[in-house]
Amino acid sequence: MLEKIGYSPEMARWAAAADAEVGRVVRVDRGLAEVLTEHGPLRAGYSGDLLAEVALDPVGAPTTGDWVVVREWPDHRQTVEQVLPRNSAVVRATAGRQSHGQVLCANADLVAVVVALHPDPPVSRVERLLSLAWDSGATPVVVLTKTDLVADAVFVAEDVAAAAPEVEVVSTSTATGEGLDRLRALTPFGRTTALVGASGHGKSSLVNALAGAEVLGTRTIRADGRGRHTTVRRELVPLPGGGAVIDTPGLRGVGLPGSIDGLARAFSDITRLLEQCRYRNCSHRSEPGCAVRAALAAGLLPVRRYESWDELRSEAERAARRREARPRPVKYGGGSGRHPGEAQWS
């Protein structure tokens, strides 16, 4: 059963070494993890050792999508003993001046940025979420929803695609079924797709459509274009034909965790221009030989896209400085003590 959602021989080796069971976290609620194991679902607390690690580095806490080692005790209690190394992690910066990030989900192969076509999708939000998705270590895709509500879906999709270089854009409608076959093909046996985006843009509807059942509640978007919160926690849903999808709560504010990697991939067109600037420390304001300013002047780089990149770059640099100022966390889960979304700023 677990092979359908990504269980591998490596997981079996972890289980054997720990003389315990390995499962995947479906959801976390009030300090308890619901874990899907080969013998079915169970609810487990955290071991003392894991709690000590989490106190030092909250990023290491079990989250939806994690593979974990679970132990059953003689009194029938079950505890999560260890979080196994993550292949990917979607991490956003926490509010305020904290340097720790918040892990939205882990071990997704594909991160789908979900944006409704009605009302018009804010391209700057797509760029921000794509930076987060690239930074996770997974492959990003943009999923446009509610194509049945607009007459110019093709043209809007072209505008979004222009702001999403190297990323596939899939237009969908859960009302007509458009694009759903493509999404199923992107989440085959053993793979996981995580959905991120604002409330009311159709994430839960997509999960229901892919699962072929009403497994999650849905609500419509408000007249002012702001979403109503339906999903209040992250949840992994296995799909009938294999694969899994992770629904996440609607994101109103998305802070970048402080890595240049995701930003460089999301703005690969600007990244190529940066390499052509005369000076390595070019601020792109008034220096001679600035390829970015030249592209702006020639109309080859839209001013809106440059301003979006500049804002996100400044934000990521501030987050990186906060993170570098805090003590290094101890190792957890047998990994390096750093999740894939925490590549060093250089």
Protein backbone atom coordinates (compact mmCIF):
# COMPACT_ATOMS: atom_id res chain seq x y z
CA MET A 1 0.00 0.00 0.00
CA LEU A 2 2.70 2.49 0.97
CA GLU A 3 4.51 1.96 -2.34
CA LYS A 4 1.62 3.82 -3.99
CA ILE A 5 2.57 6.97 -2.15
CA GLY A 6 6.35 6.76 -2.38
CA TYR A 7 7.59 4.06 0.00
CA SER A 8 11.00 2.85 -1.15
CA PRO A 9 13.56 0.17 -0.22
CA GLU A 10 15.47 2.90 1.62
CA MET A 11 12.50 3.30 3.97
CA ALA A 12 12.59 -0.43 4.67
CA ARG A 13 16.25 -0.14 5.67
CA TRP A 14 15.42 2.66 8.11
CA ALA A 15 12.67 0.53 9.65
CA ALA A 16 14.96 -2.47 10.00
CA ALA A 17 17.76 -0.41 11.55
CA ALA A 18 15.37 1.10 14.12
CA ASP A 19 13.53 -2.20 14.72
CA ALA A 20 10.32 -0.18 14.30
CA GLU A 21 7.77 0.78 11.66
CA VAL A 22 8.03 3.47 9.00
CA GLY A 23 4.96 5.39 7.91
CA ARG A 24 3.96 8.63 6.23
CA VAL A 25 2.41 11.58 8.03
CA VAL A 26 -1.07 12.31 6.70
CA ARG A 27 -1.77 15.28 8.98
CA VAL A 28 -0.61 16.85 12.23
CA ASP A 29 -3.13 18.05 14.78
CA ARG A 30 -2.41 19.47 18.26
CA GLY A 31 0.92 17.79 18.65
CA LEU A 32 -0.26 14.41 17.39
CA ALA A 33 0.62 12.98 14.00
CA GLU A 34 -1.74 10.79 12.01
CA VAL A 35 0.54 8.34 10.27
CA LEU A 36 -0.32 5.92 7.49
CA THR A 37 1.55 2.64 7.93
CA GLU A 38 1.46 -0.71 6.17
CA HIS A 39 -0.96 -1.89 8.86
CA GLY A 40 -3.27 1.11 8.57
CA PRO A 41 -3.51 4.60 10.08
CA LEU A 42 -2.49 5.44 13.64
CA ARG A 43 -2.15 8.53 15.84
CA ALA A 44 1.17 9.05 17.56
CA GLY A 45 2.75 11.58 19.89
CA TYR A 46 6.40 12.60 19.77
CA SER A 47 9.20 10.88 21.64
CA GLY A 48 11.20 12.83 24.22
CA ASP A 49 14.28 12.89 21.98
CA LEU A 50 12.28 14.25 19.05
CA LEU A 51 10.67 16.93 21.23
CA ALA A 52 14.14 18.03 22.35
CA GLU A 53 15.29 18.35 18.74
CA VAL A 54 12.16 20.26 17.74
CA ALA A 55 12.71 22.69 20.62
CA LEU A 56 16.09 23.56 19.10
CA ASP A 57 14.86 23.71 15.52
CA PRO A 58 11.08 23.80 14.85
CA VAL A 59 11.70 23.09 11.17
CA GLY A 60 12.45 19.51 12.21
CA ALA A 61 8.95 18.88 13.59
CA PRO A 62 6.90 16.22 11.79
CA THR A 63 4.76 17.69 9.04
CA THR A 64 2.38 16.41 6.40
CA GLY A 65 4.24 14.30 3.86
CA ASP A 66 7.10 13.33 6.18
CA TRP A 67 8.29 9.74 6.40
CA VAL A 68 8.77 8.88 10.07
CA VAL A 69 9.86 6.04 12.31
CA VAL A 70 7.01 5.01 14.64
CA ARG A 71 7.36 2.80 17.69
CA GLU A 72 4.60 1.00 19.62
CA TRP A 73 5.10 0.56 23.35
CA PRO A 74 3.84 -2.27 25.63
CA ASP A 75 1.04 0.00 26.89
CA HIS A 76 -0.09 0.40 23.24
CA ARG A 77 1.11 4.01 23.01
CA GLN A 78 2.68 4.96 19.70
CA THR A 79 5.35 7.62 19.31
CA VAL A 80 7.14 9.24 16.39
CA GLU A 81 10.79 8.56 17.10
CA GLN A 82 12.46 10.10 14.09
CA VAL A 83 11.76 12.19 11.00
CA LEU A 84 13.54 10.67 8.02
CA PRO A 85 15.59 12.90 5.69
CA ARG A 86 13.38 14.94 3.39
CA ASN A 87 13.69 14.92 -0.38
CA SER A 88 11.92 18.27 -0.50
CA ALA A 89 10.28 20.74 1.86
CA VAL A 90 8.00 23.69 1.12
CA VAL A 91 9.05 26.28 3.69
CA ARG A 92 7.83 29.82 4.14
CA ALA A 93 9.30 32.45 6.43
CA THR A 94 7.41 33.00 9.66
CA ALA A 95 5.87 36.35 10.50
CA GLY A 96 7.83 39.02 12.33
CA ARG A 97 11.56 38.81 12.99
CA GLN A 98 11.81 35.10 13.69
CA SER A 99 14.52 33.29 11.75
CA HIS A 100 12.83 29.89 11.78
CA GLY A 101 10.71 28.92 8.81
CA GLN A 102 7.38 27.12 8.75
CA VAL A 103 7.32 23.84 6.87
CA LEU A 104 4.07 23.59 4.91
CA CYS A 105 4.69 20.03 3.70
CA ALA A 106 7.50 17.62 2.88
CA ASN A 107 8.55 15.07 0.27
CA ALA A 108 6.48 16.42 -2.61
CA ASP A 109 7.76 15.58 -6.07
CA LEU A 110 5.68 18.34 -7.65
CA VAL A 111 4.58 21.65 -6.12
CA ALA A 112 1.51 23.05 -7.87
CA VAL A 113 0.95 26.79 -7.55
CA VAL A 114 -2.84 27.01 -7.75
CA VAL A 115 -4.36 30.28 -8.98
CA ALA A 116 -7.94 30.97 -10.04
CA LEU A 117 -8.57 32.67 -13.37
CA HIS A 118 -11.51 34.54 -11.87
CA PRO A 119 -10.82 37.22 -10.86
CA ASP A 120 -7.66 37.95 -12.85
CA PRO A 121 -4.70 36.14 -11.26
CA PRO A 122 -2.10 38.44 -9.66
CA VAL A 123 1.08 37.58 -11.55
CA SER A 124 3.30 38.87 -8.74
CA ARG A 125 1.76 36.29 -6.38
CA VAL A 126 2.47 33.56 -8.91
CA GLU A 127 6.12 34.66 -9.04
CA ARG A 128 6.37 34.67 -5.25
CA LEU A 129 4.87 31.20 -4.93
CA LEU A 130 7.08 29.87 -7.73
CA SER A 131 10.15 31.10 -5.85
CA LEU A 132 8.91 29.15 -2.84
CA ALA A 133 8.20 26.09 -4.99
CA TRP A 134 11.61 26.11 -6.71
CA ASP A 135 13.28 26.54 -3.32
CA SER A 136 11.59 23.39 -2.00
CA GLY A 137 13.65 21.00 -4.10
CA ALA A 138 10.54 19.77 -5.95
CA THR A 139 9.45 20.53 -9.51
CA PRO A 140 7.02 23.47 -9.79
CA VAL A 141 3.93 23.66 -11.99
CA VAL A 142 1.30 26.39 -12.26
CA VAL A 143 -2.31 25.22 -12.15
CA LEU A 144 -4.89 27.74 -13.33
CA THR A 145 -8.39 26.90 -12.10
CA LYS A 146 -11.96 27.88 -13.02
CA THR A 147 -11.39 28.22 -16.77
CA ASP A 148 -15.15 27.78 -17.19
CA LEU A 149 -15.74 31.18 -15.58
CA VAL A 150 -13.72 33.30 -18.03
CA ALA A 151 -13.80 33.82 -21.77
CA ASP A 152 -10.12 34.66 -22.23
CA ALA A 153 -8.52 31.74 -20.36
CA VAL A 154 -6.04 31.08 -23.17
CA PHE A 155 -4.71 34.64 -23.18
CA VAL A 156 -4.46 34.83 -19.38
CA ALA A 157 -2.57 31.52 -19.39
CA GLU A 158 -0.11 33.02 -21.90
CA ASP A 159 0.50 36.00 -19.59
CA VAL A 160 1.11 33.69 -16.63
CA ALA A 161 3.41 31.46 -18.69
CA ALA A 162 5.51 34.52 -19.59
CA ALA A 163 6.07 35.07 -15.86
CA ALA A 164 6.85 31.39 -15.26
CA PRO A 165 9.83 30.42 -17.44
CA GLU A 166 10.73 26.71 -17.43
CA VAL A 167 7.44 25.89 -15.70
CA GLU A 168 4.47 24.03 -17.16
CA VAL A 169 1.15 25.87 -16.94
CA VAL A 170 -1.98 23.68 -16.77
CA SER A 171 -5.42 25.23 -17.23
CA THR A 172 -8.16 23.34 -15.38
CA SER A 173 -11.82 23.31 -14.49
CA THR A 174 -13.37 20.91 -12.01
CA ALA A 175 -16.75 21.80 -13.53
CA THR A 176 -15.88 20.67 -17.07
CA GLY A 177 -12.97 18.33 -16.34
CA GLU A 178 -10.51 20.35 -18.41
CA GLY A 179 -6.88 19.68 -17.52
CA LEU A 180 -7.61 17.02 -14.90
CA ASP A 181 -6.16 14.20 -16.99
CA ARG A 182 -2.92 16.15 -17.25
CA LEU A 183 -2.80 16.62 -13.47
CA ARG A 184 -3.38 12.91 -12.94
CA ALA A 185 -0.54 12.17 -15.34
CA LEU A 186 1.72 14.48 -13.31
CA THR A 187 0.94 12.50 -10.13
CA PRO A 188 1.54 8.86 -11.07
CA PHE A 189 2.07 5.82 -8.85
CA GLY A 190 4.53 6.59 -6.07
CA ARG A 191 4.60 10.35 -6.62
CA THR A 192 3.21 13.23 -4.57
CA THR A 193 1.87 16.62 -5.64
CA ALA A 194 1.48 19.45 -3.12
CA LEU A 195 -1.00 22.24 -3.80
CA VAL A 196 -0.17 25.76 -2.57
CA GLY A 197 -2.03 29.01 -3.06
CA ALA A 198 -4.57 31.39 -1.60
CA SER A 199 -7.91 30.38 -0.12
CA GLY A 200 -10.85 29.95 -2.44
CA HIS A 201 -8.79 29.31 -5.56
CA GLY A 202 -9.81 25.68 -5.93
CA LYS A 203 -7.17 23.55 -4.20
CA SER A 204 -9.66 21.41 -2.28
CA SER A 205 -11.87 21.06 -5.37
CA LEU A 206 -8.86 19.76 -7.29
CA VAL A 207 -8.12 17.21 -4.55
CA ASN A 208 -11.73 15.99 -4.67
CA ALA A 209 -11.66 15.74 -8.44
CA LEU A 210 -8.39 13.79 -8.47
CA ALA A 211 -9.56 11.52 -5.64
CA GLY A 212 -12.92 10.92 -7.29
CA ALA A 213 -14.75 11.63 -4.03
CA GLU A 214 -15.68 14.52 -1.73
CA VAL A 215 -12.82 14.03 0.71
CA LEU A 216 -12.37 17.74 1.49
CA GLY A 217 -14.84 20.55 2.04
CA THR A 218 -14.98 23.45 -0.44
CA ARG A 219 -16.23 27.02 -0.45
CA THR A 220 -16.52 29.64 -3.17
CA ILE A 221 -14.31 32.68 -3.56
CA ARG A 222 -15.71 35.99 -2.29
CA ALA A 223 -16.94 38.73 -4.58
CA ASP A 224 -13.85 40.84 -3.82
CA GLY A 225 -11.59 38.01 -5.00
CA ARG A 226 -10.39 37.01 -1.53
CA GLY A 227 -10.78 33.41 -0.52
CA ARG A 228 -12.71 31.89 2.34
CA HIS A 229 -10.61 29.53 4.44
CA THR A 230 -11.77 25.93 4.04
CA THR A 231 -8.62 23.88 4.63
CA VAL A 232 -7.25 24.74 8.07
CA ARG A 233 -4.55 22.08 8.19
CA ARG A 234 -2.32 20.25 5.78
CA GLU A 235 -3.57 16.88 4.64
CA LEU A 236 -2.19 14.12 2.44
CA VAL A 237 -4.77 12.25 0.36
CA PRO A 238 -3.80 8.97 -1.41
CA LEU A 239 -5.24 8.74 -4.93
CA PRO A 240 -7.15 5.69 -6.22
CA GLY A 241 -4.67 4.80 -8.93
CA GLY A 242 -1.59 5.48 -6.86
CA GLY A 243 0.19 8.68 -5.99
CA ALA A 244 -0.89 11.26 -3.44
CA VAL A 245 -1.86 14.90 -3.26
CA ILE A 246 -1.29 17.29 -0.35
CA ASP A 247 -3.75 20.09 0.29
CA THR A 248 -2.45 23.07 2.28
CA PRO A 249 -4.28 25.94 4.00
CA GLY A 250 -4.82 29.09 1.98
CA LEU A 251 -1.83 31.43 2.06
CA ARG A 252 -2.51 35.15 2.34
CA GLY A 253 1.05 36.13 3.16
CA VAL A 254 3.98 34.11 1.88
CA GLY A 255 7.41 35.04 3.15
CA LEU A 256 10.51 33.72 1.43
CA PRO A 257 12.85 31.66 3.65
CA GLY A 258 16.07 33.32 2.53
CA SER A 259 17.55 31.20 -0.24
CA ILE A 260 18.64 32.63 -3.55
CA ASP A 261 18.16 29.32 -5.37
CA GLY A 262 14.38 29.45 -5.75
CA LEU A 263 14.41 33.12 -6.70
CA ALA A 264 17.08 32.51 -9.34
CA ARG A 265 15.00 29.73 -10.93
CA ALA A 266 11.70 31.63 -10.76
CA PHE A 267 13.36 34.62 -12.47
CA SER A 268 15.72 32.71 -14.73
CA ASP A 269 15.42 35.41 -17.41
CA ILE A 270 16.73 38.04 -14.99
CA THR A 271 19.34 35.62 -13.64
CA ARG A 272 20.80 35.36 -17.15
CA LEU A 273 20.93 39.16 -17.36
CA LEU A 274 22.75 39.39 -14.03
CA GLU A 275 25.53 37.26 -15.44
CA GLN A 276 26.04 39.82 -18.20
CA CYS A 277 26.45 42.87 -15.94
CA ARG A 278 29.91 44.46 -16.06
CA TYR A 279 30.29 44.45 -12.28
CA ARG A 280 29.60 41.46 -10.05
CA ASN A 281 28.25 43.70 -7.28
CA CYS A 282 26.04 45.68 -9.65
CA SER A 283 23.02 47.19 -7.85
CA HIS A 284 21.17 47.62 -11.16
CA ARG A 285 20.49 51.27 -10.40
CA SER A 286 23.00 53.43 -12.26
CA GLU A 287 26.19 51.43 -12.89
CA PRO A 288 27.62 51.45 -16.43
CA GLY A 289 27.40 48.17 -18.28
CA CYS A 290 24.31 46.98 -16.38
CA ALA A 291 22.57 44.38 -18.53
CA VAL A 292 19.39 44.62 -16.45
CA ARG A 293 19.01 48.39 -17.01
CA ALA A 294 19.77 47.90 -20.69
CA ALA A 295 17.04 45.27 -21.01
CA LEU A 296 14.58 47.58 -19.23
CA ALA A 297 15.44 50.47 -21.52
CA ALA A 298 15.04 48.29 -24.62
CA GLY A 299 11.68 46.96 -23.45
CA LEU A 300 13.01 43.41 -23.29
CA LEU A 301 12.38 43.16 -19.55
CA PRO A 302 8.98 44.36 -18.24
CA VAL A 303 9.27 46.94 -15.46
CA ARG A 304 6.64 45.07 -13.44
CA ARG A 305 8.68 41.86 -13.51
CA TYR A 306 11.90 43.67 -12.53
CA GLU A 307 10.16 45.37 -9.59
CA SER A 308 8.71 42.05 -8.45
CA TRP A 309 12.15 40.43 -8.57
CA ASP A 310 13.78 43.37 -6.77
CA GLU A 311 11.21 43.24 -3.95
CA LEU A 312 11.58 39.48 -3.50
CA ARG A 313 15.38 39.69 -3.64
CA SER A 314 15.44 42.28 -0.84
CA GLU A 315 13.04 40.20 1.24
CA ALA A 316 15.07 37.03 0.77
CA GLU A 317 18.29 38.82 1.72
CA ARG A 318 16.74 40.05 4.97
CA ALA A 319 15.50 36.55 5.77
CA ALA A 320 18.95 35.12 5.03
CA ARG A 321 20.60 37.58 7.42
CA ARG A 322 18.17 36.63 10.20
CA ARG A 323 18.81 32.95 9.63
CA GLU A 324 22.58 33.31 9.55
CA ALA A 325 22.48 35.22 12.83
CA ARG A 326 20.91 32.35 14.78
CA PRO A 327 22.81 29.32 16.15
CA ARG A 328 23.04 26.29 13.90
CA PRO A 329 20.46 23.59 14.72
CA VAL A 330 21.48 20.10 15.73
CA LYS A 331 21.06 17.30 13.27
CA TYR A 332 17.72 15.57 13.05
CA GLY A 333 16.23 12.70 11.12
CA GLY A 334 19.68 11.42 10.20
CA GLY A 335 20.08 14.35 7.84
CA SER A 336 22.29 17.39 7.71
CA GLY A 337 20.30 19.50 10.17
CA ARG A 338 19.09 21.60 7.27
CA HIS A 339 16.08 20.99 5.06
CA PRO A 340 16.31 21.22 1.25
CA GLY A 341 14.74 24.70 1.33
CA GLU A 342 17.59 26.06 3.43
CA ALA A 343 20.42 26.22 0.90
CA GLN A 344 23.09 28.71 1.93
CA TRP A 345 22.90 32.23 0.47
CA SER A 346 25.91 33.10 -1.58
